[in-house]
Amino acid sequence: MTATTSPTPAPGAPDAPNVLHAPVIAWFDAHARDLPWRRPDAGPWAVMVSEFMLQQTPVNRVLPVYEQWLARWPRPADLAKEPPGEAVRAWGRLGYPRRALRLHGAAVAITERHGGDVPRQHSQLLALPGIGEYTAAAVASFAYGQRHAVLDTNVRRVFARAAAGVQYPPNATTAAERKLARALLPEDEPTAARWAAASMELGALVCTAKNEDCARCPISAQCAWQRAGKPPHQGPARRGQTYAGTDRQVRGKLLAVLREAVAPVPQAVLDRVWDEPVQRARALDGLVADGLVEPLPERLYRLPLS
């Protein structure tokens, strides 16, 4: 059972969206990367782990952590038995470590509510802690072959260019984008699931944010942006990501010390991580507030045990 209805016309959608499906899927069949979560033996839990890790993180950084994670916790119940701090420790330097806590929370809920099996229904996936609309649709599509609009940054960019004729999608996903994505979905579930993966890969490898390779694109002839002469972006400025000197960098340095520690860490040790005391204290307080660090008496800190 899926949450999406049959395609309906949407602004920017081609009159016959099926003209895009065959060339993109054929390109995917020939050029898709061999990634472990795409292999036939990768179960729903492996797909879910990959989706958590791939959010805002490139594949090359995810692969070693993903493989270590699945070797240690091949089932949700294996992770659920561990303290949440172990998930944070194993997350390493992937960044955005709250994802580790959310994945641990999802594993606990899967174990308690679904007998240790990742649920099939989109609504049940969406009800898990830490699972939003994108992740629920991605797991239902990639793990169970269902028909859902899977809108990550790469897919949104492909659709913006191919269907809407603009260089970049809006900074945040809009209702119009969701309507367009539903209109572009193939009718049958297997093809829709393949289309979701194929359009995502096209955005990752060919229709990239910079230096797009239109000569390799299987739908360049149908692309509205290409036909319009590839006009430059006219919307609000694209947000760039900074890291050096930010609270996020300080949080990462503090967490790195705690991940390496086998015992609670004194405040004095953490104080050596960053020279600026106000920013350091703010970053540490943020980690505590987010549940990533547990304060103890006598100014000691550790990764959370519960």
Protein backbone atom coordinates (compact mmCIF):
# COMPACT_ATOMS: atom_id res chain seq x y z
CA MET A 1 0.00 0.00 0.00
CA THR A 2 1.45 3.39 -0.99
CA ALA A 3 0.67 6.95 -0.11
CA THR A 4 0.90 8.37 -3.62
CA THR A 5 -1.91 8.68 -6.16
CA SER A 6 -1.79 8.45 -9.93
CA PRO A 7 0.07 11.24 -11.70
CA THR A 8 -1.84 14.47 -12.22
CA PRO A 9 -0.76 17.45 -14.30
CA ALA A 10 1.48 19.88 -12.43
CA PRO A 11 3.12 23.18 -13.38
CA GLY A 12 6.31 22.41 -15.27
CA ALA A 13 5.51 18.73 -15.79
CA PRO A 14 5.95 17.43 -19.35
CA ASP A 15 2.72 16.61 -21.17
CA ALA A 16 3.91 12.98 -21.34
CA PRO A 17 6.25 12.40 -18.39
CA ASN A 18 6.87 8.84 -19.53
CA VAL A 19 9.20 10.22 -22.23
CA LEU A 20 11.70 10.86 -19.40
CA HIS A 21 11.39 7.49 -17.68
CA ALA A 22 12.85 5.10 -20.24
CA PRO A 23 16.05 7.04 -21.08
CA VAL A 24 16.84 7.85 -17.44
CA ILE A 25 16.24 4.28 -16.27
CA ALA A 26 18.26 2.88 -19.20
CA TRP A 27 21.11 5.25 -18.32
CA PHE A 28 20.89 4.12 -14.69
CA ASP A 29 21.03 0.46 -15.69
CA ALA A 30 24.26 1.16 -17.58
CA HIS A 31 25.97 3.66 -15.29
CA ALA A 32 24.72 3.23 -11.71
CA ARG A 33 27.45 2.94 -9.10
CA ASP A 34 27.87 -0.39 -7.38
CA LEU A 35 26.91 0.65 -3.85
CA PRO A 36 26.37 -1.90 -1.07
CA TRP A 37 22.90 -0.69 -0.13
CA ARG A 38 21.75 -1.26 -3.74
CA ARG A 39 22.82 -4.88 -3.92
CA PRO A 40 20.19 -7.66 -3.85
CA ASP A 41 21.40 -8.91 -0.46
CA ALA A 42 20.99 -5.48 1.18
CA GLY A 43 17.89 -5.67 3.36
CA PRO A 44 15.61 -2.84 4.52
CA TRP A 45 17.77 -2.13 7.59
CA ALA A 46 20.84 -1.64 5.40
CA VAL A 47 18.85 0.74 3.19
CA MET A 48 17.65 2.69 6.22
CA VAL A 49 21.17 3.00 7.64
CA SER A 50 22.45 4.28 4.30
CA GLU A 51 19.69 6.86 4.06
CA PHE A 52 20.48 8.27 7.51
CA MET A 53 24.20 8.42 6.74
CA LEU A 54 23.88 9.91 3.26
CA GLN A 55 21.96 12.98 4.40
CA GLN A 56 24.29 15.92 3.66
CA THR A 57 27.28 13.54 3.46
CA PRO A 58 29.03 12.27 0.28
CA VAL A 59 29.15 8.59 -0.55
CA ASN A 60 32.93 8.25 -0.21
CA ARG A 61 32.78 9.37 3.41
CA VAL A 62 29.78 7.16 4.20
CA LEU A 63 31.08 3.86 2.79
CA PRO A 64 33.65 2.89 5.47
CA VAL A 65 31.40 3.91 8.37
CA TYR A 66 28.40 2.17 6.79
CA GLU A 67 30.32 -1.10 6.40
CA GLN A 68 31.61 -0.99 9.98
CA TRP A 69 28.13 -0.15 11.27
CA LEU A 70 26.43 -3.07 9.49
CA ALA A 71 29.18 -5.46 10.55
CA ARG A 72 28.61 -4.48 14.19
CA TRP A 73 24.83 -4.02 14.07
CA PRO A 74 23.41 -6.12 11.21
CA ARG A 75 19.85 -5.85 12.61
CA PRO A 76 17.94 -3.08 14.37
CA ALA A 77 17.77 -5.16 17.55
CA ASP A 78 21.57 -5.34 17.68
CA LEU A 79 21.81 -1.56 17.79
CA ALA A 80 18.84 -1.20 20.14
CA LYS A 81 20.66 -3.26 22.79
CA GLU A 82 23.53 -0.76 22.89
CA PRO A 83 23.56 2.60 24.70
CA PRO A 84 22.87 5.55 22.37
CA GLY A 85 26.36 6.85 23.07
CA GLU A 86 27.78 3.85 21.20
CA ALA A 87 25.90 4.95 18.10
CA VAL A 88 27.43 8.43 18.47
CA ARG A 89 30.86 6.87 18.93
CA ALA A 90 30.52 4.66 15.84
CA TRP A 91 29.24 7.61 13.79
CA GLY A 92 32.80 8.90 13.78
CA ARG A 93 33.37 12.06 11.79
CA LEU A 94 30.38 11.81 9.45
CA GLY A 95 29.02 15.05 10.87
CA TYR A 96 25.54 15.98 12.08
CA PRO A 97 25.80 13.35 14.86
CA ARG A 98 22.20 13.79 15.96
CA ARG A 99 21.49 11.46 13.05
CA ALA A 100 23.19 8.71 15.06
CA LEU A 101 20.84 9.28 17.99
CA ARG A 102 17.84 9.30 15.66
CA LEU A 103 18.94 6.08 14.01
CA HIS A 104 19.37 4.49 17.43
CA GLY A 105 15.90 5.69 18.42
CA ALA A 106 14.45 4.23 15.23
CA ALA A 107 16.17 0.90 15.94
CA VAL A 108 14.64 0.81 19.44
CA ALA A 109 11.17 1.57 18.06
CA ILE A 110 11.52 -1.04 15.30
CA THR A 111 12.52 -3.62 17.90
CA GLU A 112 9.72 -2.74 20.29
CA ARG A 113 6.88 -2.08 17.83
CA HIS A 114 7.66 -4.23 14.79
CA GLY A 115 9.43 -7.32 16.09
CA GLY A 116 12.81 -6.11 14.85
CA ASP A 117 11.78 -5.80 11.19
CA VAL A 118 11.82 -2.45 9.38
CA PRO A 119 8.12 -1.82 8.63
CA ARG A 120 6.91 -1.83 5.04
CA GLN A 121 4.12 0.73 5.25
CA HIS A 122 5.00 4.36 4.59
CA SER A 123 2.83 5.50 7.50
CA GLN A 124 4.60 3.14 9.90
CA LEU A 125 8.00 4.31 8.69
CA LEU A 126 6.94 7.92 9.12
CA ALA A 127 5.86 7.18 12.69
CA LEU A 128 9.37 6.05 13.69
CA PRO A 129 11.45 8.58 15.65
CA GLY A 130 13.88 10.50 13.49
CA ILE A 131 12.12 9.56 10.23
CA GLY A 132 10.83 12.37 8.05
CA GLU A 133 8.95 12.37 4.77
CA TYR A 134 12.06 11.94 2.63
CA THR A 135 13.51 9.01 4.59
CA ALA A 136 10.16 7.23 4.84
CA ALA A 137 9.63 7.54 1.08
CA ALA A 138 13.21 6.48 0.31
CA VAL A 139 13.08 3.34 2.48
CA ALA A 140 9.65 2.36 1.17
CA SER A 141 10.85 2.85 -2.40
CA PHE A 142 14.41 1.48 -2.29
CA ALA A 143 13.87 -1.32 0.24
CA TYR A 144 10.35 -2.42 -0.71
CA GLY A 145 9.95 -1.27 -4.32
CA GLN A 146 6.96 0.95 -3.62
CA ARG A 147 5.71 3.98 -5.53
CA HIS A 148 6.64 7.21 -3.74
CA ALA A 149 8.03 10.60 -4.67
CA VAL A 150 11.58 10.58 -3.27
CA LEU A 151 12.84 14.16 -3.21
CA ASP A 152 16.44 14.67 -2.17
CA THR A 153 18.64 17.55 -3.32
CA ASN A 154 19.82 15.71 -6.44
CA VAL A 155 16.31 14.76 -7.57
CA ARG A 156 15.00 18.25 -6.93
CA ARG A 157 17.75 19.70 -9.12
CA VAL A 158 17.04 17.26 -11.97
CA PHE A 159 13.34 18.05 -11.88
CA ALA A 160 13.95 21.80 -11.63
CA ARG A 161 16.06 21.73 -14.77
CA ALA A 162 14.34 19.05 -16.84
CA ALA A 163 10.72 20.01 -16.09
CA ALA A 164 10.64 23.53 -14.65
CA GLY A 165 13.45 24.99 -16.77
CA VAL A 166 15.39 26.61 -13.91
CA GLN A 167 18.96 26.02 -12.83
CA TYR A 168 18.29 25.32 -9.17
CA PRO A 169 15.29 24.39 -7.04
CA PRO A 170 14.21 26.60 -4.13
CA ASN A 171 16.27 26.44 -0.93
CA ALA A 172 13.49 24.49 0.80
CA THR A 173 11.19 21.89 -0.75
CA THR A 174 7.87 23.42 -1.83
CA ALA A 175 4.38 22.06 -2.35
CA ALA A 176 4.79 22.73 -6.08
CA GLU A 177 7.89 20.52 -6.18
CA ARG A 178 6.05 17.69 -4.44
CA LYS A 179 3.18 18.01 -6.90
CA LEU A 180 5.60 17.94 -9.82
CA ALA A 181 7.39 14.87 -8.40
CA ARG A 182 4.08 13.02 -8.06
CA ALA A 183 3.14 13.97 -11.61
CA LEU A 184 6.43 12.55 -12.87
CA LEU A 185 6.03 9.20 -11.09
CA PRO A 186 5.58 6.16 -13.35
CA GLU A 187 2.27 4.37 -12.84
CA ASP A 188 3.53 0.95 -11.78
CA GLU A 189 5.46 0.38 -8.55
CA PRO A 190 8.61 -1.38 -9.86
CA THR A 191 9.19 1.28 -12.52
CA ALA A 192 8.46 4.07 -10.03
CA ALA A 193 11.00 2.68 -7.56
CA ARG A 194 13.58 2.37 -10.34
CA TRP A 195 12.81 5.91 -11.51
CA ALA A 196 13.37 7.24 -7.98
CA ALA A 197 16.83 5.68 -7.81
CA ALA A 198 17.71 6.60 -11.39
CA SER A 199 16.75 10.27 -11.15
CA MET A 200 18.71 10.54 -7.91
CA GLU A 201 21.82 9.01 -9.51
CA LEU A 202 21.48 11.29 -12.53
CA GLY A 203 21.61 14.31 -10.24
CA ALA A 204 24.57 12.91 -8.32
CA LEU A 205 26.71 12.04 -11.36
CA VAL A 206 25.60 14.14 -14.35
CA CYS A 207 23.13 16.91 -13.48
CA THR A 208 25.37 18.18 -10.70
CA ALA A 209 25.13 21.49 -8.89
CA LYS A 210 28.27 22.75 -10.65
CA ASN A 211 29.87 21.70 -13.92
CA GLU A 212 26.86 19.71 -15.10
CA ASP A 213 27.69 17.33 -17.97
CA CYS A 214 24.79 17.87 -20.35
CA ALA A 215 26.60 15.95 -23.10
CA ARG A 216 26.23 12.77 -21.03
CA CYS A 217 22.65 13.42 -19.96
CA PRO A 218 20.12 10.95 -21.41
CA ILE A 219 17.36 13.57 -21.41
CA SER A 220 19.26 16.65 -22.58
CA ALA A 221 17.00 16.91 -25.64
CA GLN A 222 13.91 17.00 -23.42
CA CYS A 223 15.41 19.24 -20.71
CA ALA A 224 13.51 22.51 -20.39
CA TRP A 225 16.53 24.32 -18.95
CA GLN A 226 18.78 23.15 -21.79
CA ARG A 227 16.18 24.12 -24.42
CA ALA A 228 15.91 27.58 -22.84
CA GLY A 229 19.65 28.13 -23.24
CA LYS A 230 20.52 27.27 -19.61
CA PRO A 231 19.59 30.65 -18.09
CA PRO A 232 21.48 31.36 -14.85
CA HIS A 233 19.78 31.12 -11.49
CA GLN A 234 17.40 34.03 -10.87
CA GLY A 235 16.10 33.19 -7.41
CA PRO A 236 17.47 33.91 -3.91
CA ALA A 237 21.19 33.35 -3.41
CA ARG A 238 22.17 29.75 -2.83
CA ARG A 239 23.21 29.16 0.76
CA GLY A 240 26.83 28.13 1.13
CA GLN A 241 27.99 25.92 4.00
CA THR A 242 30.80 27.11 6.22
CA TYR A 243 32.58 25.08 8.86
CA ALA A 244 35.88 26.59 10.03
CA GLY A 245 35.47 28.59 13.21
CA THR A 246 31.80 27.71 13.67
CA ASP A 247 30.08 26.19 16.68
CA ARG A 248 29.68 23.08 14.54
CA GLN A 249 33.45 22.73 14.28
CA VAL A 250 33.83 23.15 18.05
CA ARG A 251 31.12 20.56 18.70
CA GLY A 252 32.94 18.15 16.41
CA LYS A 253 36.21 18.62 18.28
CA LEU A 254 34.53 18.09 21.65
CA LEU A 255 32.77 14.96 20.42
CA ALA A 256 36.02 13.60 18.98
CA VAL A 257 37.60 13.67 22.46
CA LEU A 258 34.57 11.97 24.02
CA ARG A 259 34.40 9.29 21.31
CA GLU A 260 38.01 8.30 21.97
CA ALA A 261 37.59 8.20 25.74
CA VAL A 262 36.91 4.97 27.63
CA ALA A 263 36.02 6.83 30.85
CA PRO A 264 34.26 10.11 31.65
CA VAL A 265 36.26 13.14 30.50
CA PRO A 266 37.08 16.00 32.88
CA GLN A 267 36.03 19.52 31.95
CA ALA A 268 39.71 20.54 31.98
CA VAL A 269 40.46 18.15 29.12
CA LEU A 270 37.59 19.52 27.05
CA ASP A 271 38.76 23.07 27.78
CA ARG A 272 41.93 22.35 25.80
CA VAL A 273 39.93 21.60 22.66
CA TRP A 274 39.13 25.24 21.81
CA ASP A 275 40.71 28.46 23.06
CA GLU A 276 37.66 30.72 23.03
CA PRO A 277 35.80 29.92 26.28
CA VAL A 278 32.39 31.42 25.46
CA GLN A 279 32.06 29.59 22.15
CA ARG A 280 33.42 26.38 23.69
CA ALA A 281 30.88 26.52 26.53
CA ARG A 282 28.06 27.27 24.09
CA ALA A 283 29.04 24.30 21.93
CA LEU A 284 29.25 21.97 24.92
CA ASP A 285 25.91 23.17 26.26
CA GLY A 286 24.41 22.51 22.82
CA LEU A 287 25.73 18.96 22.80
CA VAL A 288 24.21 18.35 26.22
CA ALA A 289 20.88 19.88 25.16
CA ASP A 290 20.82 17.67 22.05
CA GLY A 291 21.38 14.53 24.11
CA LEU A 292 24.76 13.84 22.52
CA VAL A 293 26.73 14.36 25.74
CA GLU A 294 25.81 13.45 29.31
CA PRO A 295 27.08 15.67 32.15
CA LEU A 296 28.14 14.00 35.40
CA PRO A 297 29.04 15.29 38.85
CA GLU A 298 32.48 16.77 39.42
CA ARG A 299 32.54 18.40 35.96
CA LEU A 300 32.81 15.14 34.05
CA TYR A 301 31.26 14.35 30.66
CA ARG A 302 30.60 11.19 28.62
CA LEU A 303 28.59 9.93 25.69
CA PRO A 304 25.00 9.10 26.71
CA LEU A 305 24.16 5.72 28.22
CA SER A 306 20.38 6.08 27.97
